[in-house]
Amino acid sequence: MNEKARIWMFWEDSITILKTDYSDQFITVTVSSDFYKQFFLTIVHASCVVNERRQRWDYMIDFSATCKAPWLVGGDFNAYLSPNEKKGGKRRLSKSVMDFQACVSTAGIEDAGFSGSKYTWYNGQQQNCIWTRIDRLFFNAEWAISCPALHVQHLSKACSDHCPLLISSTAHTKQGPSRFTFQHMWCSHDKFIDDSARAWRMAPTASNPLFNITQKLKHMKLFYRKWNKEVFGNVSLNIQEAEAMLTTAQQAYEDDESETNHIAFTSAKAKLGQVLLQEERLWRQKSRLKWLKDGDKNTKFFHAYALTQRRNTQICKLHKDDGTVVNEEDEIAELFVDHFTKAFRSASHQIRPDMLEQIPHILTEKDNNMLCKVPTSEEIHNVIFSMDPDSAPGPDEPNYRSNIWVYLSTLAAKNLLTLLILLLRQ
């Protein structure tokens, strides 16, 4: 327990708890077991006084700056992060809310989310009801990268004005086949354009333009999967190998400052820099952060953000039509299949001709001719080239991708023109 015995902790014999720091508002321990990687756990019971709570926020910021291990921090913060987390009373962006927001942002911790009731505290007054979410759980980037996914459930209030938080983790989650994604790091390879052009020419062709481009795209998807495996391989493993090579080369150069060892050392440094850049581009693309600029190189942040986004899309349970809840993965998958099978088998609705007659004719013959006009290759090229080549992860990167973008847009314009002519004639 902490000072004033406001926080009590109980644990099983299979878990080892070591107290590292405590005060009247928190207690921090290290948790070790055979099932999880060792991590820090901070339990909070923040003061109701704003000025005293600020001491707690300062501690969280200072601890996060030095913490290099997975860290969970949760409990009763006696503050909410947004006016939307309060019902009743005055809903405003107070100094208390802004202090808490600044603490969370500076400490670099993520809210673990929740299921169940939206609010965790109730003032117990029938006339002036106030509901807020002041109990929650956060985790840091190290937890997101190396530890299991968390699920926080708000249980029903019983003998307290707070609802209990039930925290569970999923060590293993079934994942289906990964969808194909064009990796921006491929464009940095000096053979990428030539290999792509060669693969496109080798793709099977067909007389029907629509079927032709579909077949070619399928062929390119298979080609890129194989090409990525052979040329890039496992990026994390490549980094480990490059680091080992650099360590060996550096040691050799320290022992003998010969020209040969200097070249080997310089080459090993360049190789490590190359694979680190590949990793940064890979995780920046997966993070899908559009506001990041080139030069914001923080692979750990990208990695943690991408994993957090993936966990936020996990489906833990679903409600069936009869109101029952399913939470097993196989049952959830079966419910999805059943729902969409029924949806796609539903009878189609026929539109009555007399209803169509009530729609006014707005387009003129001139408008119709303009819409049916076959676009030129230049127009198609301009439209494709105006698209953001980095539409998922962020703004345009420097010129390393401009050549491949010009090549692909020209190739697509040529094929789309043939396809559009066929469709417009039909």
Protein backbone atom coordinates (compact mmCIF):
# COMPACT_ATOMS: atom_id res chain seq x y z
CA MET A 1 0.00 0.00 0.00
CA ASN A 2 1.02 3.64 -0.39
CA GLU A 3 1.08 6.52 2.09
CA LYS A 4 -2.21 7.03 3.96
CA ALA A 5 -3.23 3.54 2.75
CA ARG A 6 -5.31 4.96 -0.10
CA ILE A 7 -4.03 2.34 -2.57
CA TRP A 8 -3.96 -1.38 -1.80
CA MET A 9 -2.44 -4.03 -4.05
CA PHE A 10 -2.99 -7.80 -3.98
CA TRP A 11 -1.36 -10.35 -6.27
CA GLU A 12 -0.94 -14.07 -6.82
CA ASP A 13 2.15 -15.97 -5.72
CA SER A 14 3.14 -16.56 -9.36
CA ILE A 15 3.69 -12.81 -9.79
CA THR A 16 6.59 -10.85 -8.30
CA ILE A 17 5.92 -7.25 -7.23
CA LEU A 18 8.68 -4.83 -6.24
CA LYS A 19 7.75 -1.35 -5.01
CA THR A 20 9.92 1.33 -6.62
CA ASP A 21 8.23 4.61 -5.68
CA TYR A 22 5.13 5.85 -3.88
CA SER A 23 3.36 8.85 -2.36
CA ASP A 24 -0.10 9.66 -1.05
CA GLN A 25 -1.37 9.88 -4.68
CA PHE A 26 0.30 6.91 -6.40
CA ILE A 27 2.36 3.78 -6.11
CA THR A 28 4.76 2.47 -8.78
CA VAL A 29 5.92 -1.15 -8.86
CA THR A 30 7.74 -3.51 -11.19
CA VAL A 31 5.75 -6.58 -12.19
CA SER A 32 7.44 -9.84 -13.16
CA SER A 33 5.97 -13.20 -14.11
CA ASP A 34 6.56 -16.17 -16.39
CA PHE A 35 3.81 -15.00 -18.75
CA TYR A 36 4.73 -11.38 -19.49
CA LYS A 37 7.79 -9.27 -20.03
CA GLN A 38 8.73 -7.30 -16.90
CA PHE A 39 6.95 -3.95 -16.82
CA PHE A 40 6.25 -0.96 -14.59
CA LEU A 41 2.80 -0.43 -13.14
CA THR A 42 1.65 2.85 -11.59
CA ILE A 43 -1.64 2.92 -9.70
CA VAL A 44 -3.10 6.39 -9.21
CA HIS A 45 -5.47 7.89 -6.67
CA ALA A 46 -5.11 11.56 -7.55
CA SER A 47 -6.03 14.34 -5.18
CA CYS A 48 -9.30 16.24 -5.49
CA VAL A 49 -7.29 19.46 -5.15
CA VAL A 50 -6.08 20.82 -8.51
CA ASN A 51 -2.73 22.12 -7.26
CA GLU A 52 -1.93 18.80 -5.57
CA ARG A 53 -2.87 16.90 -8.74
CA ARG A 54 -0.27 18.87 -10.68
CA GLN A 55 2.42 17.17 -8.60
CA ARG A 56 1.07 13.87 -9.88
CA TRP A 57 1.21 15.07 -13.48
CA ASP A 58 4.82 16.22 -13.02
CA TYR A 59 5.73 12.77 -11.69
CA MET A 60 4.19 11.05 -14.74
CA ILE A 61 6.11 13.32 -17.11
CA ASP A 62 9.42 12.82 -15.28
CA PHE A 63 8.94 9.05 -15.03
CA SER A 64 8.10 8.69 -18.73
CA ALA A 65 11.26 10.59 -19.70
CA THR A 66 13.49 7.98 -18.05
CA CYS A 67 11.35 4.85 -18.45
CA LYS A 68 12.69 2.52 -21.16
CA ALA A 69 10.49 -0.44 -20.27
CA PRO A 70 6.77 -1.16 -20.80
CA TRP A 71 4.67 0.97 -18.47
CA LEU A 72 1.01 0.92 -17.46
CA VAL A 73 -0.51 3.75 -15.45
CA GLY A 74 -4.12 3.71 -14.34
CA GLY A 75 -6.59 4.38 -11.57
CA ASP A 76 -8.62 7.33 -10.32
CA PHE A 77 -7.16 10.50 -11.85
CA ASN A 78 -9.92 12.77 -10.50
CA ALA A 79 -9.82 14.57 -13.85
CA TYR A 80 -11.20 13.95 -17.30
CA LEU A 81 -9.50 14.55 -20.65
CA SER A 82 -12.36 16.12 -22.57
CA PRO A 83 -15.64 17.91 -21.82
CA ASN A 84 -17.32 15.05 -23.70
CA GLU A 85 -16.35 12.79 -20.81
CA LYS A 86 -18.67 14.63 -18.44
CA LYS A 87 -22.45 14.68 -18.21
CA GLY A 88 -24.22 17.20 -16.02
CA GLY A 89 -22.77 20.17 -14.20
CA LYS A 90 -20.49 22.61 -16.03
CA ARG A 91 -18.90 21.17 -19.16
CA ARG A 92 -15.99 23.40 -20.01
CA LEU A 93 -12.37 23.16 -21.00
CA SER A 94 -11.08 24.07 -17.55
CA LYS A 95 -7.47 24.52 -16.45
CA SER A 96 -7.70 21.10 -14.78
CA VAL A 97 -8.62 19.47 -18.11
CA MET A 98 -5.86 21.29 -19.99
CA ASP A 99 -3.28 20.31 -17.34
CA PHE A 100 -4.28 16.66 -17.68
CA GLN A 101 -4.19 16.85 -21.49
CA ALA A 102 -0.72 18.42 -21.39
CA CYS A 103 0.50 15.69 -19.04
CA VAL A 104 -0.74 12.86 -21.28
CA SER A 105 0.69 14.49 -24.40
CA THR A 106 4.09 15.26 -22.87
CA ALA A 107 4.41 11.84 -21.24
CA GLY A 108 3.66 10.18 -24.59
CA ILE A 109 1.12 7.73 -23.22
CA GLU A 110 -1.98 6.32 -24.93
CA ASP A 111 -5.45 5.76 -23.52
CA ALA A 112 -6.26 2.04 -23.58
CA GLY A 113 -9.92 2.70 -24.38
CA PHE A 114 -12.81 0.81 -22.78
CA SER A 115 -16.03 -1.09 -23.24
CA GLY A 116 -19.16 -0.74 -21.13
CA SER A 117 -20.61 2.38 -19.54
CA LYS A 118 -19.23 5.68 -20.81
CA TYR A 119 -18.72 7.13 -17.33
CA THR A 120 -16.88 5.73 -14.30
CA TRP A 121 -18.01 8.07 -11.51
CA TYR A 122 -21.41 9.31 -10.30
CA ASN A 123 -22.00 11.94 -7.62
CA GLY A 124 -25.05 10.09 -6.26
CA GLN A 125 -27.35 13.11 -6.38
CA GLN A 126 -30.75 12.63 -7.94
CA GLN A 127 -31.46 16.30 -8.65
CA ASN A 128 -28.04 17.42 -9.89
CA CYS A 129 -26.56 14.28 -11.41
CA ILE A 130 -22.96 14.46 -12.56
CA TRP A 131 -21.31 11.62 -14.47
CA THR A 132 -17.65 11.66 -15.52
CA ARG A 133 -14.95 9.36 -16.79
CA ILE A 134 -12.12 9.93 -14.32
CA ASP A 135 -10.90 6.32 -14.02
CA ARG A 136 -8.83 4.99 -16.91
CA LEU A 137 -5.70 3.16 -18.04
CA PHE A 138 -2.76 4.41 -20.11
CA PHE A 139 0.21 2.61 -21.68
CA ASN A 140 3.48 3.85 -23.19
CA ALA A 141 5.08 3.11 -26.57
CA GLU A 142 7.23 0.29 -25.18
CA TRP A 143 4.11 -1.53 -24.02
CA ALA A 144 2.45 -1.09 -27.43
CA ILE A 145 5.47 -2.58 -29.19
CA SER A 146 6.38 -5.52 -27.00
CA CYS A 147 3.37 -6.45 -24.85
CA PRO A 148 -0.07 -7.94 -25.44
CA ALA A 149 -3.15 -5.97 -26.39
CA LEU A 150 -5.22 -4.60 -23.53
CA HIS A 151 -8.96 -4.58 -23.01
CA VAL A 152 -10.50 -2.37 -20.31
CA GLN A 153 -14.07 -3.06 -19.23
CA HIS A 154 -16.14 -0.70 -17.07
CA LEU A 155 -18.04 -2.95 -14.67
CA SER A 156 -21.26 -2.07 -12.88
CA LYS A 157 -21.09 0.13 -9.77
CA ALA A 158 -21.97 -1.72 -6.59
CA CYS A 159 -20.78 -0.39 -3.23
CA SER A 160 -18.81 2.57 -4.58
CA ASP A 161 -19.46 5.73 -6.55
CA HIS A 162 -16.75 4.52 -8.95
CA CYS A 163 -17.17 1.61 -11.33
CA PRO A 164 -14.42 -1.05 -11.18
CA LEU A 165 -12.08 -1.43 -14.15
CA LEU A 166 -11.45 -4.98 -15.31
CA ILE A 167 -8.24 -5.11 -17.35
CA SER A 168 -7.49 -8.14 -19.48
CA SER A 169 -4.89 -8.85 -22.13
CA THR A 170 -4.81 -10.96 -25.25
CA ALA A 171 -1.42 -12.52 -25.79
CA HIS A 172 -2.33 -14.10 -29.14
CA THR A 173 -4.82 -12.88 -31.69
CA LYS A 174 -5.73 -14.74 -34.83
CA GLN A 175 -5.00 -12.82 -37.99
CA GLY A 176 -6.13 -13.66 -41.46
CA PRO A 177 -3.98 -13.35 -44.58
CA SER A 178 -2.45 -9.90 -44.87
CA ARG A 179 -3.74 -7.75 -47.71
CA PHE A 180 -1.34 -6.56 -50.38
CA THR A 181 0.07 -3.09 -49.77
CA PHE A 182 2.46 -1.19 -52.00
CA GLN A 183 5.48 -0.43 -49.80
CA HIS A 184 7.00 3.01 -50.36
CA MET A 185 10.41 1.76 -49.29
CA TRP A 186 10.56 -0.30 -52.50
CA CYS A 187 10.94 2.89 -54.52
CA SER A 188 14.33 3.56 -52.93
CA HIS A 189 15.80 0.45 -54.61
CA ASP A 190 17.82 1.28 -57.72
CA LYS A 191 16.42 -1.71 -59.66
CA PHE A 192 12.77 -1.09 -58.82
CA ILE A 193 11.73 0.75 -62.01
CA ASP A 194 13.49 -1.67 -64.37
CA ASP A 195 12.20 -4.76 -62.54
CA SER A 196 8.66 -3.35 -62.45
CA ALA A 197 8.68 -2.55 -66.17
CA ARG A 198 9.99 -6.01 -67.00
CA ALA A 199 7.32 -7.68 -64.85
CA TRP A 200 4.56 -5.58 -66.46
CA ARG A 201 5.66 -6.61 -69.96
CA MET A 202 5.74 -10.28 -68.93
CA ALA A 203 2.21 -10.15 -67.49
CA PRO A 204 -0.45 -12.09 -69.47
CA THR A 205 -2.55 -10.07 -71.89
CA ALA A 206 -6.15 -10.37 -73.08
CA SER A 207 -8.26 -8.81 -75.82
CA ASN A 208 -10.72 -7.28 -73.34
CA PRO A 209 -9.10 -4.09 -71.91
CA LEU A 210 -10.83 -4.41 -68.53
CA PHE A 211 -9.83 -8.05 -68.13
CA ASN A 212 -6.37 -7.22 -69.47
CA ILE A 213 -5.56 -4.59 -66.84
CA THR A 214 -7.08 -6.78 -64.11
CA GLN A 215 -4.81 -9.68 -65.07
CA LYS A 216 -1.77 -7.44 -65.22
CA LEU A 217 -2.47 -5.99 -61.77
CA LYS A 218 -2.87 -9.50 -60.32
CA HIS A 219 0.44 -10.45 -61.90
CA MET A 220 2.15 -7.36 -60.45
CA LYS A 221 0.81 -8.14 -56.98
CA LEU A 222 2.35 -11.62 -57.11
CA PHE A 223 5.56 -10.21 -58.53
CA TYR A 224 5.91 -7.57 -55.79
CA ARG A 225 5.27 -10.10 -53.02
CA LYS A 226 8.04 -12.33 -54.35
CA TRP A 227 10.33 -9.41 -55.16
CA ASN A 228 9.94 -7.94 -51.66
CA LYS A 229 10.77 -11.28 -50.06
CA GLU A 230 13.87 -11.80 -52.21
CA VAL A 231 15.22 -8.23 -52.26
CA PHE A 232 14.17 -6.74 -48.91
CA GLY A 233 13.33 -9.76 -46.78
CA ASN A 234 12.70 -9.19 -43.07
CA VAL A 235 13.56 -5.55 -42.32
CA SER A 236 14.07 -6.15 -38.58
CA LEU A 237 16.43 -9.05 -39.29
CA ASN A 238 18.27 -6.95 -41.86
CA ILE A 239 18.87 -4.29 -39.20
CA GLN A 240 20.28 -6.84 -36.76
CA GLU A 241 22.63 -8.18 -39.44
CA ALA A 242 23.70 -4.67 -40.48
CA GLU A 243 24.39 -3.70 -36.85
CA ALA A 244 26.50 -6.82 -36.37
CA MET A 245 28.44 -6.09 -39.57
CA LEU A 246 29.06 -2.50 -38.46
CA THR A 247 30.28 -3.63 -35.02
CA THR A 248 32.72 -6.06 -36.65
CA ALA A 249 33.90 -3.49 -39.20
CA GLN A 250 34.35 -0.80 -36.54
CA GLN A 251 36.39 -3.12 -34.34
CA ALA A 252 38.59 -4.08 -37.29
CA TYR A 253 39.11 -0.42 -38.22
CA GLU A 254 40.00 0.48 -34.62
CA ASP A 255 42.61 -2.30 -34.56
CA ASP A 256 44.05 -1.50 -38.00
CA GLU A 257 43.37 1.87 -39.68
CA SER A 258 44.10 0.55 -43.15
CA GLU A 259 42.37 1.77 -46.31
CA THR A 260 40.63 -1.58 -46.72
CA ASN A 261 39.20 -1.50 -43.20
CA HIS A 262 38.14 2.14 -43.65
CA ILE A 263 36.20 1.26 -46.81
CA ALA A 264 34.57 -1.70 -45.05
CA PHE A 265 33.65 0.48 -42.05
CA THR A 266 32.16 3.22 -44.26
CA SER A 267 30.25 0.66 -46.30
CA ALA A 268 28.82 -0.97 -43.16
CA LYS A 269 27.68 2.43 -41.84
CA ALA A 270 25.95 3.19 -45.14
CA LYS A 271 24.28 -0.22 -45.16
CA LEU A 272 22.90 0.26 -41.64
CA GLY A 273 21.65 3.73 -42.53
CA GLN A 274 19.90 2.32 -45.59
CA VAL A 275 18.02 -0.42 -43.73
CA LEU A 276 17.11 1.98 -40.89
CA LEU A 277 15.61 4.33 -43.48
CA GLN A 278 13.66 1.40 -44.94
CA GLU A 279 12.29 0.58 -41.49
CA GLU A 280 11.32 4.20 -40.87
CA ARG A 281 9.46 4.39 -44.21
CA LEU A 282 7.75 1.07 -43.55
CA TRP A 283 6.38 2.02 -40.14
CA ARG A 284 5.57 5.59 -41.12
CA GLN A 285 3.40 4.19 -43.92
CA LYS A 286 1.73 1.73 -41.54
CA SER A 287 1.05 4.47 -38.99
CA ARG A 288 -1.00 6.43 -41.60
CA LEU A 289 -0.11 9.75 -40.04
CA LYS A 290 -0.67 12.45 -42.66
CA TRP A 291 0.63 15.36 -40.59
CA LEU A 292 4.20 14.06 -40.40
CA LYS A 293 6.80 15.79 -42.52
CA ASP A 294 9.92 14.32 -44.03
CA GLY A 295 12.61 14.44 -41.38
CA ASP A 296 10.32 13.40 -38.52
CA LYS A 297 12.22 10.16 -38.07
CA ASN A 298 11.00 8.31 -34.99
CA THR A 299 10.48 4.67 -35.92
CA LYS A 300 9.49 3.66 -32.39
CA PHE A 301 6.71 6.24 -32.43
CA PHE A 302 5.50 5.09 -35.87
CA HIS A 303 5.62 1.47 -34.73
CA ALA A 304 3.70 2.11 -31.53
CA TYR A 305 1.12 4.28 -33.28
CA ALA A 306 0.53 1.67 -35.99
CA LEU A 307 0.07 -1.10 -33.43
CA THR A 308 -2.27 1.09 -31.40
CA GLN A 309 -4.37 1.76 -34.49
CA ARG A 310 -4.48 -1.96 -35.21
CA ARG A 311 -5.60 -2.74 -31.66
CA ASN A 312 -8.28 -0.07 -31.82
CA THR A 313 -9.84 -1.87 -34.78
CA GLN A 314 -10.02 -5.21 -32.98
CA ILE A 315 -13.50 -6.58 -32.37
CA CYS A 316 -13.78 -8.20 -28.96
CA LYS A 317 -17.50 -8.98 -28.95
CA LEU A 318 -20.67 -8.60 -31.00
CA HIS A 319 -24.39 -8.58 -30.23
CA LYS A 320 -26.57 -11.04 -32.14
CA ASP A 321 -30.08 -10.20 -33.33
CA ASP A 322 -31.58 -11.90 -30.27
CA GLY A 323 -29.50 -9.74 -27.91
CA THR A 324 -26.98 -12.40 -26.87
CA VAL A 325 -23.30 -11.50 -26.88
CA VAL A 326 -20.57 -13.51 -28.60
CA ASN A 327 -16.92 -12.95 -27.67
CA GLU A 328 -15.12 -16.00 -29.06
CA GLU A 329 -13.12 -15.34 -32.25
CA ASP A 330 -14.70 -18.24 -34.14
CA GLU A 331 -18.21 -17.13 -33.15
CA ILE A 332 -17.50 -13.53 -34.16
CA ALA A 333 -16.20 -14.66 -37.55
CA GLU A 334 -19.24 -16.88 -38.07
CA LEU A 335 -21.56 -13.99 -37.18
CA PHE A 336 -19.87 -11.75 -39.75
CA VAL A 337 -20.18 -14.36 -42.48
CA ASP A 338 -23.83 -15.01 -41.63
CA HIS A 339 -24.68 -11.28 -41.62
CA PHE A 340 -23.16 -10.48 -45.00
CA THR A 341 -24.41 -13.71 -46.56
CA LYS A 342 -27.95 -12.64 -45.71
CA ALA A 343 -27.29 -9.08 -46.87
CA PHE A 344 -26.04 -10.12 -50.31
CA ARG A 345 -28.82 -12.65 -50.78
CA SER A 346 -31.60 -10.19 -50.03
CA ALA A 347 -34.05 -9.56 -52.84
CA SER A 348 -33.21 -6.63 -55.09
CA HIS A 349 -35.65 -3.75 -55.28
CA GLN A 350 -37.08 -2.82 -58.67
CA ILE A 351 -37.38 0.87 -59.51
CA ARG A 352 -40.74 1.74 -61.03
CA PRO A 353 -40.51 3.58 -64.39
CA ASP A 354 -43.14 6.11 -63.33
CA MET A 355 -40.90 7.11 -60.41
CA LEU A 356 -38.02 7.82 -62.79
CA GLU A 357 -40.29 10.07 -64.84
CA GLN A 358 -40.64 12.37 -61.82
CA ILE A 359 -36.91 13.17 -61.82
CA PRO A 360 -36.35 16.46 -63.68
CA HIS A 361 -33.98 16.59 -66.67
CA ILE A 362 -31.16 18.90 -65.66
CA LEU A 363 -28.32 17.88 -67.99
CA THR A 364 -28.42 19.44 -71.44
CA GLU A 365 -27.35 17.72 -74.65
CA LYS A 366 -24.13 19.73 -74.50
CA ASP A 367 -23.46 18.52 -70.95
CA ASN A 368 -24.11 14.95 -72.00
CA ASN A 369 -21.71 15.18 -74.94
CA MET A 370 -19.05 16.66 -72.69
CA LEU A 371 -19.45 13.85 -70.14
CA CYS A 372 -19.29 11.20 -72.86
CA LYS A 373 -16.22 12.73 -74.45
CA VAL A 374 -13.19 10.46 -74.39
CA PRO A 375 -10.45 12.09 -72.27
CA THR A 376 -7.01 12.49 -73.74
CA SER A 377 -3.95 10.67 -72.45
CA GLU A 378 -2.64 13.98 -71.13
CA GLU A 379 -5.83 14.58 -69.12
CA ILE A 380 -5.71 11.10 -67.58
CA HIS A 381 -2.01 11.56 -66.86
CA ASN A 382 -2.65 14.91 -65.12
CA VAL A 383 -5.41 13.46 -62.94
CA ILE A 384 -3.28 10.52 -61.85
CA PHE A 385 -0.24 12.71 -61.30
CA SER A 386 -2.26 15.12 -59.13
CA MET A 387 -3.02 12.33 -56.65
CA ASP A 388 -1.05 12.28 -53.42
CA PRO A 389 1.47 9.44 -53.83
CA ASP A 390 1.70 9.31 -50.04
CA SER A 391 -2.02 9.42 -49.38
CA ALA A 392 -1.81 6.97 -46.47
CA PRO A 393 1.20 8.02 -44.35
CA GLY A 394 1.81 11.67 -45.04
CA PRO A 395 2.79 14.54 -47.34
CA ASP A 396 4.95 14.18 -50.45
CA GLU A 397 8.41 12.93 -49.75
CA PRO A 398 11.47 14.24 -51.65
CA ASN A 399 12.39 13.34 -55.20
CA TYR A 400 13.31 9.73 -54.53
CA ARG A 401 9.85 8.64 -55.68
CA SER A 402 9.15 11.21 -58.42
CA ASN A 403 10.61 9.14 -61.27
CA ILE A 404 8.64 5.99 -60.42
CA TRP A 405 5.48 8.06 -59.98
CA VAL A 406 5.91 9.59 -63.46
CA TYR A 407 6.52 6.15 -64.93
CA LEU A 408 3.51 4.50 -63.27
CA SER A 409 1.15 7.39 -64.04
CA THR A 410 2.14 7.29 -67.71
CA LEU A 411 1.64 3.53 -67.79
CA ALA A 412 -1.75 3.77 -66.10
CA ALA A 413 -2.90 6.58 -68.42
CA LYS A 414 -2.16 4.49 -71.49
CA ASN A 415 -4.15 1.52 -70.21
CA LEU A 416 -7.03 3.55 -68.78
CA LEU A 417 -7.54 5.39 -72.07
CA THR A 418 -8.23 2.14 -73.91
CA LEU A 419 -10.56 1.03 -71.13
CA LEU A 420 -12.48 4.32 -71.04
CA ILE A 421 -13.05 4.28 -74.80
CA LEU A 422 -14.56 0.81 -74.55
CA LEU A 423 -16.81 1.75 -71.60
CA LEU A 424 -18.07 4.96 -73.21
CA ARG A 425 -18.95 3.16 -76.42
CA GLN A 426 -21.06 0.74 -74.45
